[in-house]
């Protein structure tokens, strides 16, 4: 089952549903099996977040009043359609950049505009 998930033949949610478990439990089991050496650890995919960081920050500053879920939707529906990230990734990027609140985004915009 984990091989099918890794090959993107089935989602973790669907696999968990078929097995009668919650997705979080399936992820926990995978981590334990990786630690025990039964499964090969998954590759680090943090490069995906870095690749979309600029687009996320640009949209966050262009739309300072919306949250991560709405920003993820805006990015998915962008004309070029190349930035498909989930709201969790958007949230992590905003937190890392210090833009995880509406106030922080407005403050950054004020700084960029030269207004104190």
C-alpha atoms as a PDB file:
ATOM      1  CA  UNK A   1       0.000   0.000   0.000  1.00  0.00           C
ATOM      2  CA  UNK A   2       2.811   2.438   0.879  1.00  0.00           C
ATOM      3  CA  UNK A   3       4.423   1.731  -2.503  1.00  0.00           C
ATOM      4  CA  UNK A   4       1.205   2.701  -4.266  1.00  0.00           C
ATOM      5  CA  UNK A   5       1.044   5.914  -2.248  1.00  0.00           C
ATOM      6  CA  UNK A   6       4.678   6.746  -3.075  1.00  0.00           C
ATOM      7  CA  UNK A   7       4.007   6.064  -6.766  1.00  0.00           C
ATOM      8  CA  UNK A   8       0.935   8.331  -6.524  1.00  0.00           C
ATOM      9  CA  UNK A   9      -1.328   5.512  -7.678  1.00  0.00           C
ATOM     10  CA  UNK A  10      -3.520   6.095  -4.631  1.00  0.00           C
ATOM     11  CA  UNK A  11      -3.764   8.897  -2.098  1.00  0.00           C
ATOM     12  CA  UNK A  12      -2.974   8.372   1.552  1.00  0.00           C
ATOM     13  CA  UNK A  13      -6.570   9.312   2.368  1.00  0.00           C
ATOM     14  CA  UNK A  14      -7.990   6.661   0.029  1.00  0.00           C
ATOM     15  CA  UNK A  15      -5.571   4.032   1.317  1.00  0.00           C
ATOM     16  CA  UNK A  16      -6.492   4.807   4.923  1.00  0.00           C
ATOM     17  CA  UNK A  17     -10.175   4.654   4.050  1.00  0.00           C
ATOM     18  CA  UNK A  18      -9.744   1.255   2.366  1.00  0.00           C
ATOM     19  CA  UNK A  19      -7.910  -0.074   5.421  1.00  0.00           C
ATOM     20  CA  UNK A  20     -10.393   1.456   7.861  1.00  0.00           C
ATOM     21  CA  UNK A  21      -7.877   3.858   9.446  1.00  0.00           C
ATOM     22  CA  UNK A  22      -7.474   7.610   9.716  1.00  0.00           C
ATOM     23  CA  UNK A  23      -4.833   9.146   7.376  1.00  0.00           C
ATOM     24  CA  UNK A  24      -2.869  10.431  10.387  1.00  0.00           C
ATOM     25  CA  UNK A  25      -2.539   6.859  11.681  1.00  0.00           C
ATOM     26  CA  UNK A  26      -1.289   5.681   8.287  1.00  0.00           C
ATOM     27  CA  UNK A  27       1.378   8.419   8.295  1.00  0.00           C
ATOM     28  CA  UNK A  28       2.388   7.447  11.841  1.00  0.00           C
ATOM     29  CA  UNK A  29       2.765   3.802  10.816  1.00  0.00           C
ATOM     30  CA  UNK A  30       4.853   4.833   7.805  1.00  0.00           C
ATOM     31  CA  UNK A  31       7.196   6.889  10.004  1.00  0.00           C
ATOM     32  CA  UNK A  32       7.585   3.962  12.424  1.00  0.00           C
ATOM     33  CA  UNK A  33       8.310   1.526   9.584  1.00  0.00           C
ATOM     34  CA  UNK A  34      10.878   3.953   8.151  1.00  0.00           C
ATOM     35  CA  UNK A  35      12.563   4.224  11.561  1.00  0.00           C
ATOM     36  CA  UNK A  36      12.663   0.431  11.885  1.00  0.00           C
ATOM     37  CA  UNK A  37      14.193   0.093   8.414  1.00  0.00           C
ATOM     38  CA  UNK A  38      11.253  -1.834   6.987  1.00  0.00           C
ATOM     39  CA  UNK A  39      10.493   0.965   4.518  1.00  0.00           C
ATOM     40  CA  UNK A  40      12.963   3.173   2.696  1.00  0.00           C
ATOM     41  CA  UNK A  41      12.681   6.760   3.989  1.00  0.00           C
ATOM     42  CA  UNK A  42      10.924   9.106   1.616  1.00  0.00           C
ATOM     43  CA  UNK A  43      13.030  11.734  -0.150  1.00  0.00           C
ATOM     44  CA  UNK A  44      13.118  15.233   1.238  1.00  0.00           C
ATOM     45  CA  UNK A  45      10.610  17.242  -0.760  1.00  0.00           C
ATOM     46  CA  UNK A  46      11.173  20.605   0.890  1.00  0.00           C
ATOM     47  CA  UNK A  47      12.511  21.900  -2.454  1.00  0.00           C
ATOM     48  CA  UNK A  48       8.886  22.127  -3.581  1.00  0.00           C
ATOM     49  CA  UNK A  49       8.181  24.704  -0.919  1.00  0.00           C
ATOM     50  CA  UNK A  50      11.296  26.687  -1.779  1.00  0.00           C
ATOM     51  CA  UNK A  51      10.394  26.620  -5.463  1.00  0.00           C
ATOM     52  CA  UNK A  52       7.035  28.277  -4.760  1.00  0.00           C
ATOM     53  CA  UNK A  53       8.145  30.581  -1.941  1.00  0.00           C
ATOM     54  CA  UNK A  54       8.314  33.751  -4.043  1.00  0.00           C
ATOM     55  CA  UNK A  55       4.897  33.189  -5.611  1.00  0.00           C
ATOM     56  CA  UNK A  56       3.301  32.550  -2.209  1.00  0.00           C
ATOM     57  CA  UNK A  57       4.836  35.675  -0.673  1.00  0.00           C
ATOM     58  CA  UNK A  58       3.902  37.788  -3.697  1.00  0.00           C
ATOM     59  CA  UNK A  59       0.264  36.675  -3.506  1.00  0.00           C
ATOM     60  CA  UNK A  60       0.198  37.080   0.284  1.00  0.00           C
ATOM     61  CA  UNK A  61       1.285  40.697  -0.062  1.00  0.00           C
ATOM     62  CA  UNK A  62      -1.107  41.283  -2.966  1.00  0.00           C
ATOM     63  CA  UNK A  63      -3.962  39.848  -0.852  1.00  0.00           C
ATOM     64  CA  UNK A  64      -3.007  40.646   2.764  1.00  0.00           C
ATOM     65  CA  UNK A  65      -6.485  40.032   4.197  1.00  0.00           C
ATOM     66  CA  UNK A  66      -6.860  36.406   3.106  1.00  0.00           C
ATOM     67  CA  UNK A  67      -5.626  33.328   4.927  1.00  0.00           C
ATOM     68  CA  UNK A  68      -3.595  30.324   3.763  1.00  0.00           C
ATOM     69  CA  UNK A  69      -6.570  28.359   2.391  1.00  0.00           C
ATOM     70  CA  UNK A  70      -7.721  31.221   0.201  1.00  0.00           C
ATOM     71  CA  UNK A  71      -4.136  31.993  -0.878  1.00  0.00           C
ATOM     72  CA  UNK A  72      -3.654  28.355  -1.924  1.00  0.00           C
ATOM     73  CA  UNK A  73      -6.855  28.616  -3.977  1.00  0.00           C
ATOM     74  CA  UNK A  74      -5.698  31.876  -5.593  1.00  0.00           C
ATOM     75  CA  UNK A  75      -2.374  30.258  -6.518  1.00  0.00           C
ATOM     76  CA  UNK A  76      -4.097  27.174  -7.964  1.00  0.00           C
ATOM     77  CA  UNK A  77      -6.331  29.374 -10.128  1.00  0.00           C
ATOM     78  CA  UNK A  78      -3.514  31.667 -11.292  1.00  0.00           C
ATOM     79  CA  UNK A  79      -3.285  32.043 -15.091  1.00  0.00           C
ATOM     80  CA  UNK A  80       0.050  30.231 -15.355  1.00  0.00           C
ATOM     81  CA  UNK A  81      -1.155  27.426 -13.047  1.00  0.00           C
ATOM     82  CA  UNK A  82       2.385  26.409 -12.106  1.00  0.00           C
ATOM     83  CA  UNK A  83       2.079  26.967  -8.349  1.00  0.00           C
ATOM     84  CA  UNK A  84      -0.083  24.212  -6.897  1.00  0.00           C
ATOM     85  CA  UNK A  85       0.538  24.136  -3.162  1.00  0.00           C
ATOM     86  CA  UNK A  86      -1.675  23.183  -0.251  1.00  0.00           C
ATOM     87  CA  UNK A  87      -2.720  25.568   2.467  1.00  0.00           C
ATOM     88  CA  UNK A  88      -0.362  23.857   4.926  1.00  0.00           C
ATOM     89  CA  UNK A  89       2.590  24.650   2.675  1.00  0.00           C
ATOM     90  CA  UNK A  90       1.349  28.227   2.249  1.00  0.00           C
ATOM     91  CA  UNK A  91       1.041  28.554   6.014  1.00  0.00           C
ATOM     92  CA  UNK A  92       4.567  27.191   6.584  1.00  0.00           C
ATOM     93  CA  UNK A  93       6.052  29.552   3.986  1.00  0.00           C
ATOM     94  CA  UNK A  94       4.253  32.559   5.488  1.00  0.00           C
ATOM     95  CA  UNK A  95       5.371  31.629   9.003  1.00  0.00           C
ATOM     96  CA  UNK A  96       8.975  31.210   7.874  1.00  0.00           C
ATOM     97  CA  UNK A  97       8.835  34.629   6.177  1.00  0.00           C
ATOM     98  CA  UNK A  98       7.229  36.275   9.222  1.00  0.00           C
ATOM     99  CA  UNK A  99       4.023  36.957   7.284  1.00  0.00           C
ATOM    100  CA  UNK A 100       1.678  34.517   9.001  1.00  0.00           C
ATOM    101  CA  UNK A 101      -0.767  37.177  10.248  1.00  0.00           C
ATOM    102  CA  UNK A 102      -2.785  39.854   8.485  1.00  0.00           C
ATOM    103  CA  UNK A 103      -1.055  42.466  10.654  1.00  0.00           C
ATOM    104  CA  UNK A 104       2.389  41.195   9.635  1.00  0.00           C
ATOM    105  CA  UNK A 105       1.489  41.337   5.935  1.00  0.00           C
ATOM    106  CA  UNK A 106       0.067  44.869   6.285  1.00  0.00           C
ATOM    107  CA  UNK A 107       3.160  45.933   8.211  1.00  0.00           C
ATOM    108  CA  UNK A 108       5.447  44.553   5.490  1.00  0.00           C
ATOM    109  CA  UNK A 109       3.427  46.399   2.844  1.00  0.00           C
ATOM    110  CA  UNK A 110       3.792  49.629   4.836  1.00  0.00           C
ATOM    111  CA  UNK A 111       7.552  49.077   5.068  1.00  0.00           C
ATOM    112  CA  UNK A 112       7.790  48.428   1.349  1.00  0.00           C
ATOM    113  CA  UNK A 113       5.787  51.561   0.619  1.00  0.00           C
ATOM    114  CA  UNK A 114       8.047  53.579   2.914  1.00  0.00           C
ATOM    115  CA  UNK A 115       5.235  54.482   5.309  1.00  0.00           C
ATOM    116  CA  UNK A 116       6.059  54.351   8.997  1.00  0.00           C
END
